Amino acid sequence: MEIRRFGVGHRRPDGPPGTQGVSGSVIDSSPRATIAELAFVRGASVKPHANPNPTWLLVIEGGGFVRTGDEQSRVSAGDAVLWPAGEIHAAWTELSEMRAIVVELGAADAATIAGLLEGGAREPDPDAAGSGGAAAADGELVRDLDPGYDPSHGEPV
């Protein structure tokens, strides 16, 4: 297991290039994807720009605005925005703050994910080891993690 810290105390104060009032930290970066956290103060902005890869903006706190091409929308916590590859896009806040996780997909993963979203799946390779598919496993679901938990009170915190 690896734990990476982000958020307060772990952000670059100057933010990514082309931003104003945005601080952030890269959580992970590889050829498959770059994952970062962005924190927008009131009146902050990510200037309009294009990116060669599809990018998700996952709003986790607060809210603001996003734009892709000529389309503009208000977003808030719980919204996930897809910026398609090559499209000019932007994000900003006015009277509120916003925190978001940004996931920029690498080209190969973007194609794989697009295929899955369109209902395509890879056929199993009959020449691969264990070609019979996933092996059955012994085990069971963990039950009663918290013996005092009452499901009528909602999700555990």
N, C-alpha and C. Protein backbone atom coordinates (compact mmCIF):
# COMPACT_ATOMS: atom_id res chain seq x y z
N MET A 1 0.85 -1.17 0.00
CA MET A 1 0.00 0.00 0.00
C MET A 1 0.89 1.23 0.00
N GLU A 2 0.46 2.23 -0.74
CA GLU A 2 1.17 3.51 -0.78
C GLU A 2 0.17 4.60 -0.47
N ILE A 3 0.55 5.51 0.40
CA ILE A 3 -0.32 6.63 0.75
C ILE A 3 0.35 7.91 0.29
N ARG A 4 -0.37 8.72 -0.45
CA ARG A 4 0.14 10.00 -0.92
C ARG A 4 -0.70 11.10 -0.29
N ARG A 5 -0.05 12.12 0.18
CA ARG A 5 -0.73 13.22 0.83
C ARG A 5 -1.02 14.34 -0.18
N PHE A 6 -2.21 14.94 -0.05
CA PHE A 6 -2.56 16.11 -0.83
C PHE A 6 -3.48 16.97 0.02
N GLY A 7 -3.83 18.13 -0.47
CA GLY A 7 -4.71 19.02 0.28
C GLY A 7 -3.92 20.05 1.05
N VAL A 8 -4.54 20.60 2.06
CA VAL A 8 -3.94 21.67 2.85
C VAL A 8 -2.55 21.25 3.32
N GLY A 9 -1.57 22.12 3.14
CA GLY A 9 -0.20 21.85 3.55
C GLY A 9 0.62 21.08 2.52
N HIS A 10 0.00 20.64 1.45
CA HIS A 10 0.72 19.87 0.44
C HIS A 10 0.60 20.47 -0.96
N ARG A 11 -0.03 21.62 -1.08
CA ARG A 11 -0.24 22.25 -2.38
C ARG A 11 0.88 23.22 -2.71
N ARG A 12 1.15 23.33 -4.04
CA ARG A 12 2.04 24.38 -4.52
C ARG A 12 1.25 25.68 -4.48
N PRO A 13 1.76 26.72 -3.82
CA PRO A 13 0.98 27.95 -3.69
C PRO A 13 0.77 28.68 -5.02
N ASP A 14 1.67 28.53 -5.98
CA ASP A 14 1.54 29.26 -7.24
C ASP A 14 0.61 28.58 -8.24
N GLY A 15 0.25 27.34 -8.03
CA GLY A 15 -0.68 26.65 -8.92
C GLY A 15 -0.07 26.31 -10.27
N PRO A 16 -0.81 25.55 -11.07
CA PRO A 16 -0.32 25.17 -12.39
C PRO A 16 -0.22 26.38 -13.31
N PRO A 17 0.60 26.31 -14.37
CA PRO A 17 0.69 27.42 -15.32
C PRO A 17 -0.68 27.72 -15.93
N GLY A 18 -0.95 29.00 -16.17
CA GLY A 18 -2.23 29.40 -16.76
C GLY A 18 -3.36 29.50 -15.77
N THR A 19 -3.03 29.53 -14.47
CA THR A 19 -4.08 29.65 -13.46
C THR A 19 -3.89 30.92 -12.66
N GLN A 20 -4.97 31.38 -12.06
CA GLN A 20 -4.93 32.53 -11.16
C GLN A 20 -5.79 32.17 -9.95
N GLY A 21 -5.20 32.25 -8.75
CA GLY A 21 -5.95 31.94 -7.54
C GLY A 21 -6.18 30.45 -7.34
N VAL A 22 -5.37 29.63 -8.00
CA VAL A 22 -5.51 28.17 -7.90
C VAL A 22 -4.22 27.61 -7.34
N SER A 23 -4.32 26.79 -6.32
CA SER A 23 -3.16 26.06 -5.82
C SER A 23 -3.45 24.59 -6.05
N GLY A 24 -2.41 23.78 -6.03
CA GLY A 24 -2.65 22.37 -6.29
C GLY A 24 -1.46 21.50 -6.00
N SER A 25 -1.69 20.21 -6.10
CA SER A 25 -0.61 19.24 -5.94
C SER A 25 -0.87 18.05 -6.85
N VAL A 26 0.20 17.56 -7.45
CA VAL A 26 0.11 16.36 -8.27
C VAL A 26 0.13 15.17 -7.32
N ILE A 27 -0.85 14.31 -7.45
CA ILE A 27 -0.92 13.11 -6.61
C ILE A 27 -0.14 11.98 -7.27
N ASP A 28 -0.27 11.84 -8.59
CA ASP A 28 0.47 10.82 -9.33
C ASP A 28 0.55 11.23 -10.79
N SER A 29 1.65 10.87 -11.43
CA SER A 29 1.80 11.14 -12.86
C SER A 29 2.55 9.98 -13.49
N SER A 30 1.96 9.43 -14.55
CA SER A 30 2.58 8.33 -15.29
C SER A 30 2.11 8.44 -16.73
N PRO A 31 2.62 7.60 -17.63
CA PRO A 31 2.12 7.64 -19.00
C PRO A 31 0.63 7.30 -19.09
N ARG A 32 0.09 6.60 -18.12
CA ARG A 32 -1.33 6.22 -18.14
C ARG A 32 -2.25 7.37 -17.74
N ALA A 33 -1.84 8.18 -16.76
CA ALA A 33 -2.69 9.27 -16.29
C ALA A 33 -1.91 10.19 -15.37
N THR A 34 -2.41 11.42 -15.24
CA THR A 34 -1.92 12.35 -14.24
C THR A 34 -3.12 12.69 -13.36
N ILE A 35 -2.92 12.60 -12.05
CA ILE A 35 -3.98 12.88 -11.09
C ILE A 35 -3.49 14.01 -10.19
N ALA A 36 -4.31 15.06 -10.07
CA ALA A 36 -3.91 16.21 -9.26
C ALA A 36 -5.12 16.75 -8.52
N GLU A 37 -4.84 17.45 -7.43
CA GLU A 37 -5.88 18.15 -6.68
C GLU A 37 -5.71 19.63 -6.96
N LEU A 38 -6.82 20.34 -7.20
CA LEU A 38 -6.79 21.79 -7.39
C LEU A 38 -7.71 22.43 -6.36
N ALA A 39 -7.25 23.55 -5.80
CA ALA A 39 -8.07 24.33 -4.86
C ALA A 39 -8.22 25.73 -5.42
N PHE A 40 -9.45 26.13 -5.69
CA PHE A 40 -9.77 27.44 -6.24
C PHE A 40 -10.25 28.35 -5.12
N VAL A 41 -9.67 29.55 -5.00
CA VAL A 41 -10.21 30.54 -4.07
C VAL A 41 -11.33 31.28 -4.81
N ARG A 42 -12.02 32.18 -4.15
CA ARG A 42 -13.04 32.99 -4.83
C ARG A 42 -12.38 33.80 -5.95
N GLY A 43 -13.00 33.81 -7.11
CA GLY A 43 -12.48 34.57 -8.24
C GLY A 43 -11.27 33.93 -8.92
N ALA A 44 -11.07 32.64 -8.71
CA ALA A 44 -9.93 31.93 -9.31
C ALA A 44 -10.28 31.45 -10.71
N SER A 45 -9.24 31.11 -11.50
CA SER A 45 -9.52 30.62 -12.84
C SER A 45 -8.40 29.76 -13.40
N VAL A 46 -8.82 28.81 -14.22
CA VAL A 46 -7.92 28.07 -15.10
C VAL A 46 -8.26 28.62 -16.48
N LYS A 47 -7.33 29.34 -17.08
CA LYS A 47 -7.58 30.02 -18.35
C LYS A 47 -7.93 29.01 -19.44
N PRO A 48 -8.71 29.44 -20.45
CA PRO A 48 -9.05 28.54 -21.56
C PRO A 48 -7.80 27.99 -22.24
N HIS A 49 -7.80 26.68 -22.41
CA HIS A 49 -6.67 26.00 -23.06
C HIS A 49 -7.17 24.66 -23.60
N ALA A 50 -6.37 24.05 -24.45
CA ALA A 50 -6.69 22.72 -24.97
C ALA A 50 -5.66 21.74 -24.43
N ASN A 51 -6.05 20.48 -24.40
CA ASN A 51 -5.17 19.42 -23.89
C ASN A 51 -5.26 18.26 -24.87
N PRO A 52 -4.16 17.59 -25.18
CA PRO A 52 -4.22 16.49 -26.14
C PRO A 52 -4.91 15.23 -25.61
N ASN A 53 -5.17 15.18 -24.32
CA ASN A 53 -5.78 13.98 -23.72
C ASN A 53 -7.12 14.32 -23.08
N PRO A 54 -8.05 13.35 -23.03
CA PRO A 54 -9.30 13.59 -22.30
C PRO A 54 -8.99 13.80 -20.82
N THR A 55 -9.73 14.70 -20.21
CA THR A 55 -9.47 15.06 -18.82
C THR A 55 -10.78 15.13 -18.06
N TRP A 56 -10.80 14.54 -16.87
CA TRP A 56 -11.95 14.62 -15.97
C TRP A 56 -11.67 15.63 -14.87
N LEU A 57 -12.65 16.47 -14.57
CA LEU A 57 -12.61 17.36 -13.42
C LEU A 57 -13.68 16.85 -12.46
N LEU A 58 -13.27 16.37 -11.29
CA LEU A 58 -14.19 15.80 -10.29
C LEU A 58 -14.31 16.79 -9.14
N VAL A 59 -15.41 17.48 -9.06
CA VAL A 59 -15.60 18.50 -8.03
C VAL A 59 -15.92 17.80 -6.71
N ILE A 60 -15.09 18.04 -5.70
CA ILE A 60 -15.27 17.36 -4.42
C ILE A 60 -15.73 18.28 -3.31
N GLU A 61 -15.65 19.60 -3.54
CA GLU A 61 -16.08 20.55 -2.51
C GLU A 61 -16.37 21.89 -3.16
N GLY A 62 -17.41 22.57 -2.70
CA GLY A 62 -17.73 23.89 -3.22
C GLY A 62 -18.31 23.83 -4.62
N GLY A 63 -18.02 24.86 -5.42
CA GLY A 63 -18.54 24.88 -6.77
C GLY A 63 -18.02 26.06 -7.56
N GLY A 64 -18.31 26.04 -8.84
CA GLY A 64 -17.86 27.10 -9.73
C GLY A 64 -18.47 26.90 -11.11
N PHE A 65 -17.68 27.20 -12.11
CA PHE A 65 -18.15 27.12 -13.49
C PHE A 65 -17.11 26.42 -14.36
N VAL A 66 -17.59 25.78 -15.43
CA VAL A 66 -16.71 25.15 -16.41
C VAL A 66 -17.20 25.51 -17.81
N ARG A 67 -16.28 25.43 -18.73
CA ARG A 67 -16.61 25.70 -20.13
C ARG A 67 -15.84 24.71 -21.01
N THR A 68 -16.54 24.20 -22.02
CA THR A 68 -15.93 23.41 -23.08
C THR A 68 -16.43 23.99 -24.38
N GLY A 69 -15.52 24.52 -25.22
CA GLY A 69 -15.94 25.17 -26.44
C GLY A 69 -16.87 26.33 -26.10
N ASP A 70 -18.07 26.34 -26.64
CA ASP A 70 -19.05 27.40 -26.37
C ASP A 70 -20.03 27.03 -25.27
N GLU A 71 -19.92 25.82 -24.73
CA GLU A 71 -20.86 25.35 -23.71
C GLU A 71 -20.32 25.68 -22.31
N GLN A 72 -21.17 26.31 -21.48
CA GLN A 72 -20.80 26.70 -20.13
C GLN A 72 -21.80 26.11 -19.15
N SER A 73 -21.31 25.71 -17.96
CA SER A 73 -22.21 25.14 -16.97
C SER A 73 -21.70 25.43 -15.56
N ARG A 74 -22.64 25.51 -14.63
CA ARG A 74 -22.30 25.63 -13.21
C ARG A 74 -22.08 24.21 -12.69
N VAL A 75 -21.09 24.03 -11.81
CA VAL A 75 -20.81 22.72 -11.22
C VAL A 75 -20.68 22.86 -9.72
N SER A 76 -20.93 21.76 -9.03
CA SER A 76 -20.78 21.75 -7.58
C SER A 76 -20.32 20.36 -7.13
N ALA A 77 -20.05 20.23 -5.85
CA ALA A 77 -19.54 18.97 -5.30
C ALA A 77 -20.39 17.80 -5.76
N GLY A 78 -19.74 16.77 -6.25
CA GLY A 78 -20.42 15.59 -6.75
C GLY A 78 -20.54 15.57 -8.27
N ASP A 79 -20.15 16.66 -8.94
CA ASP A 79 -20.19 16.69 -10.41
C ASP A 79 -18.86 16.25 -10.99
N ALA A 80 -18.93 15.50 -12.08
CA ALA A 80 -17.74 15.07 -12.82
C ALA A 80 -17.88 15.60 -14.24
N VAL A 81 -16.89 16.36 -14.69
CA VAL A 81 -16.92 17.01 -16.00
C VAL A 81 -15.86 16.36 -16.88
N LEU A 82 -16.26 15.93 -18.08
CA LEU A 82 -15.30 15.39 -19.04
C LEU A 82 -14.96 16.46 -20.06
N TRP A 83 -13.68 16.78 -20.16
CA TRP A 83 -13.18 17.68 -21.20
C TRP A 83 -12.56 16.79 -22.27
N PRO A 84 -13.18 16.71 -23.46
CA PRO A 84 -12.64 15.85 -24.51
C PRO A 84 -11.26 16.31 -24.99
N ALA A 85 -10.50 15.38 -25.51
CA ALA A 85 -9.16 15.68 -26.04
C ALA A 85 -9.27 16.74 -27.13
N GLY A 86 -8.37 17.72 -27.08
CA GLY A 86 -8.29 18.74 -28.11
C GLY A 86 -9.30 19.86 -28.00
N GLU A 87 -10.28 19.76 -27.09
CA GLU A 87 -11.30 20.81 -26.93
C GLU A 87 -10.78 21.90 -26.00
N ILE A 88 -11.05 23.15 -26.35
CA ILE A 88 -10.69 24.26 -25.47
C ILE A 88 -11.64 24.23 -24.28
N HIS A 89 -11.07 24.31 -23.08
CA HIS A 89 -11.87 24.24 -21.86
C HIS A 89 -11.30 25.18 -20.80
N ALA A 90 -12.11 25.47 -19.78
CA ALA A 90 -11.71 26.36 -18.69
C ALA A 90 -12.54 26.04 -17.46
N ALA A 91 -12.08 26.52 -16.31
CA ALA A 91 -12.82 26.40 -15.05
C ALA A 91 -12.55 27.65 -14.23
N TRP A 92 -13.55 28.08 -13.45
CA TRP A 92 -13.35 29.25 -12.62
C TRP A 92 -14.39 29.29 -11.51
N THR A 93 -14.11 30.15 -10.54
CA THR A 93 -15.05 30.42 -9.46
C THR A 93 -15.36 31.91 -9.45
N GLU A 94 -16.48 32.24 -8.86
CA GLU A 94 -16.84 33.65 -8.71
C GLU A 94 -16.94 33.96 -7.22
N LEU A 95 -18.07 33.65 -6.59
CA LEU A 95 -18.28 34.00 -5.19
C LEU A 95 -18.03 32.85 -4.22
N SER A 96 -17.67 31.69 -4.74
CA SER A 96 -17.42 30.53 -3.87
C SER A 96 -16.04 29.96 -4.13
N GLU A 97 -15.64 29.07 -3.26
CA GLU A 97 -14.40 28.32 -3.45
C GLU A 97 -14.75 26.96 -4.04
N MET A 98 -13.74 26.27 -4.56
CA MET A 98 -13.98 24.95 -5.13
C MET A 98 -12.71 24.11 -5.00
N ARG A 99 -12.91 22.84 -4.68
CA ARG A 99 -11.82 21.86 -4.70
C ARG A 99 -12.19 20.78 -5.69
N ALA A 100 -11.19 20.32 -6.46
CA ALA A 100 -11.46 19.31 -7.47
C ALA A 100 -10.26 18.40 -7.63
N ILE A 101 -10.55 17.19 -8.08
CA ILE A 101 -9.51 16.25 -8.49
C ILE A 101 -9.54 16.24 -10.01
N VAL A 102 -8.38 16.38 -10.63
CA VAL A 102 -8.26 16.36 -12.09
C VAL A 102 -7.56 15.08 -12.48
N VAL A 103 -8.16 14.35 -13.43
CA VAL A 103 -7.57 13.11 -13.93
C VAL A 103 -7.39 13.27 -15.44
N GLU A 104 -6.14 13.42 -15.87
CA GLU A 104 -5.83 13.53 -17.30
C GLU A 104 -5.38 12.14 -17.76
N LEU A 105 -6.17 11.54 -18.66
CA LEU A 105 -5.88 10.19 -19.13
C LEU A 105 -4.81 10.21 -20.21
N GLY A 106 -3.95 9.18 -20.21
CA GLY A 106 -3.01 9.00 -21.29
C GLY A 106 -3.75 8.47 -22.51
N ALA A 107 -3.16 8.59 -23.69
CA ALA A 107 -3.84 8.22 -24.94
C ALA A 107 -4.31 6.77 -24.95
N ALA A 108 -3.48 5.82 -24.53
CA ALA A 108 -3.86 4.40 -24.57
C ALA A 108 -5.03 4.14 -23.63
N ASP A 109 -4.99 4.68 -22.43
CA ASP A 109 -6.08 4.46 -21.49
C ASP A 109 -7.36 5.13 -21.94
N ALA A 110 -7.23 6.29 -22.58
CA ALA A 110 -8.42 6.97 -23.07
C ALA A 110 -9.14 6.10 -24.10
N ALA A 111 -8.39 5.46 -24.99
CA ALA A 111 -9.00 4.59 -26.00
C ALA A 111 -9.65 3.38 -25.35
N THR A 112 -9.00 2.79 -24.37
CA THR A 112 -9.55 1.63 -23.67
C THR A 112 -10.85 2.01 -22.96
N ILE A 113 -10.83 3.13 -22.26
CA ILE A 113 -12.01 3.55 -21.52
C ILE A 113 -13.15 3.87 -22.48
N ALA A 114 -12.84 4.52 -23.60
CA ALA A 114 -13.89 4.82 -24.59
C ALA A 114 -14.51 3.52 -25.09
N GLY A 115 -13.71 2.49 -25.34
CA GLY A 115 -14.24 1.20 -25.78
C GLY A 115 -15.13 0.56 -24.73
N LEU A 116 -14.76 0.66 -23.47
CA LEU A 116 -15.58 0.09 -22.41
C LEU A 116 -16.89 0.85 -22.28
N LEU A 117 -16.83 2.18 -22.38
CA LEU A 117 -18.04 2.97 -22.27
C LEU A 117 -19.00 2.69 -23.42
N GLU A 118 -18.45 2.33 -24.58
CA GLU A 118 -19.29 2.02 -25.73
C GLU A 118 -19.77 0.57 -25.71
N GLY A 119 -19.43 -0.17 -24.66
CA GLY A 119 -19.91 -1.54 -24.52
C GLY A 119 -18.95 -2.58 -25.03
N GLY A 120 -17.78 -2.18 -25.48
CA GLY A 120 -16.81 -3.14 -25.98
C GLY A 120 -15.96 -3.67 -24.85
N ALA A 121 -15.62 -4.91 -24.92
CA ALA A 121 -14.72 -5.50 -23.94
C ALA A 121 -13.77 -6.42 -24.67
N ARG A 122 -12.60 -6.58 -24.12
CA ARG A 122 -11.61 -7.45 -24.71
C ARG A 122 -12.01 -8.89 -24.53
N GLU A 123 -11.86 -9.67 -25.57
CA GLU A 123 -12.09 -11.11 -25.46
C GLU A 123 -10.90 -11.73 -24.74
N PRO A 124 -11.10 -12.77 -23.94
CA PRO A 124 -9.98 -13.42 -23.27
C PRO A 124 -9.01 -14.00 -24.29
N ASP A 125 -7.73 -13.93 -24.00
CA ASP A 125 -6.70 -14.47 -24.87
C ASP A 125 -6.55 -15.96 -24.54
N PRO A 126 -6.93 -16.86 -25.48
CA PRO A 126 -6.88 -18.29 -25.19
C PRO A 126 -5.46 -18.80 -24.96
N ASP A 127 -4.45 -18.05 -25.44
CA ASP A 127 -3.06 -18.49 -25.27
C ASP A 127 -2.45 -17.98 -23.97
N ALA A 128 -3.16 -17.11 -23.27
CA ALA A 128 -2.62 -16.55 -22.04
C ALA A 128 -2.70 -17.58 -20.92
N ALA A 129 -1.77 -17.44 -19.98
CA ALA A 129 -1.78 -18.34 -18.82
C ALA A 129 -3.10 -18.17 -18.09
N GLY A 130 -3.67 -19.26 -17.64
CA GLY A 130 -4.94 -19.20 -16.92
C GLY A 130 -6.07 -18.77 -17.84
N SER A 131 -6.05 -19.24 -19.09
CA SER A 131 -7.01 -18.76 -20.09
C SER A 131 -8.46 -19.11 -19.76
N GLY A 132 -8.68 -19.85 -18.74
CA GLY A 132 -10.05 -20.19 -18.38
C GLY A 132 -10.77 -19.04 -17.70
N GLY A 133 -10.18 -17.85 -17.70
CA GLY A 133 -10.80 -16.71 -17.03
C GLY A 133 -10.32 -16.63 -15.60
N ALA A 134 -10.97 -15.85 -14.81
CA ALA A 134 -10.57 -15.67 -13.43
C ALA A 134 -10.85 -16.96 -12.65
N ALA A 135 -9.88 -17.33 -11.85
CA ALA A 135 -10.04 -18.53 -11.04
C ALA A 135 -10.98 -18.25 -9.87
N ALA A 136 -11.73 -19.24 -9.49
CA ALA A 136 -12.61 -19.10 -8.33
C ALA A 136 -11.74 -18.89 -7.10
N ALA A 137 -12.21 -18.07 -6.21
CA ALA A 137 -11.46 -17.77 -5.00
C ALA A 137 -12.26 -18.21 -3.80
N ASP A 138 -11.54 -18.59 -2.75
CA ASP A 138 -12.19 -18.91 -1.49
C ASP A 138 -12.29 -17.62 -0.70
N GLY A 139 -13.38 -17.41 -0.05
CA GLY A 139 -13.51 -16.22 0.77
C GLY A 139 -14.96 -15.82 0.91
N GLU A 140 -15.17 -14.75 1.61
CA GLU A 140 -16.51 -14.23 1.81
C GLU A 140 -16.41 -12.76 2.12
N LEU A 141 -17.54 -12.07 2.05
CA LEU A 141 -17.56 -10.67 2.39
C LEU A 141 -17.36 -10.49 3.88
N VAL A 142 -16.68 -9.41 4.23
CA VAL A 142 -16.50 -9.11 5.64
C VAL A 142 -17.81 -8.58 6.18
N ARG A 143 -18.22 -9.07 7.29
CA ARG A 143 -19.48 -8.64 7.88
C ARG A 143 -19.21 -8.02 9.25
N ASP A 144 -20.09 -7.14 9.64
CA ASP A 144 -20.04 -6.53 10.97
C ASP A 144 -18.69 -5.92 11.31
N LEU A 145 -18.24 -4.98 10.43
CA LEU A 145 -17.00 -4.28 10.73
C LEU A 145 -17.11 -3.50 12.04
N ASP A 146 -18.26 -2.93 12.27
CA ASP A 146 -18.50 -2.18 13.50
C ASP A 146 -19.76 -2.77 14.13
N PRO A 147 -19.60 -3.57 15.18
CA PRO A 147 -20.77 -4.23 15.76
C PRO A 147 -21.82 -3.25 16.26
N GLY A 148 -21.44 -1.97 16.50
CA GLY A 148 -22.39 -0.99 16.99
C GLY A 148 -23.08 -0.23 15.85
N TYR A 149 -22.76 -0.56 14.61
CA TYR A 149 -23.32 0.17 13.45
C TYR A 149 -24.77 -0.22 13.24
N ASP A 150 -25.63 0.80 13.11
CA ASP A 150 -27.05 0.60 12.84
C ASP A 150 -27.34 1.14 11.46
N PRO A 151 -27.63 0.27 10.44
CA PRO A 151 -27.83 0.74 9.08
C PRO A 151 -28.96 1.76 8.93
N SER A 152 -29.88 1.81 9.88
CA SER A 152 -30.97 2.79 9.79
C SER A 152 -30.48 4.21 9.99
N HIS A 153 -29.25 4.38 10.48
CA HIS A 153 -28.68 5.72 10.70
C HIS A 153 -27.95 6.24 9.48
N GLY A 154 -28.00 5.55 8.34
CA GLY A 154 -27.31 6.00 7.13
C GLY A 154 -25.94 5.39 7.01
N GLU A 155 -25.15 5.94 6.10
CA GLU A 155 -23.81 5.40 5.86
C GLU A 155 -22.89 5.68 7.03
N PRO A 156 -21.98 4.76 7.33
CA PRO A 156 -21.02 5.03 8.40
C PRO A 156 -20.05 6.13 7.96
N VAL A 157 -19.60 6.93 8.90
CA VAL A 157 -18.69 8.01 8.59
C VAL A 157 -17.28 7.62 8.90
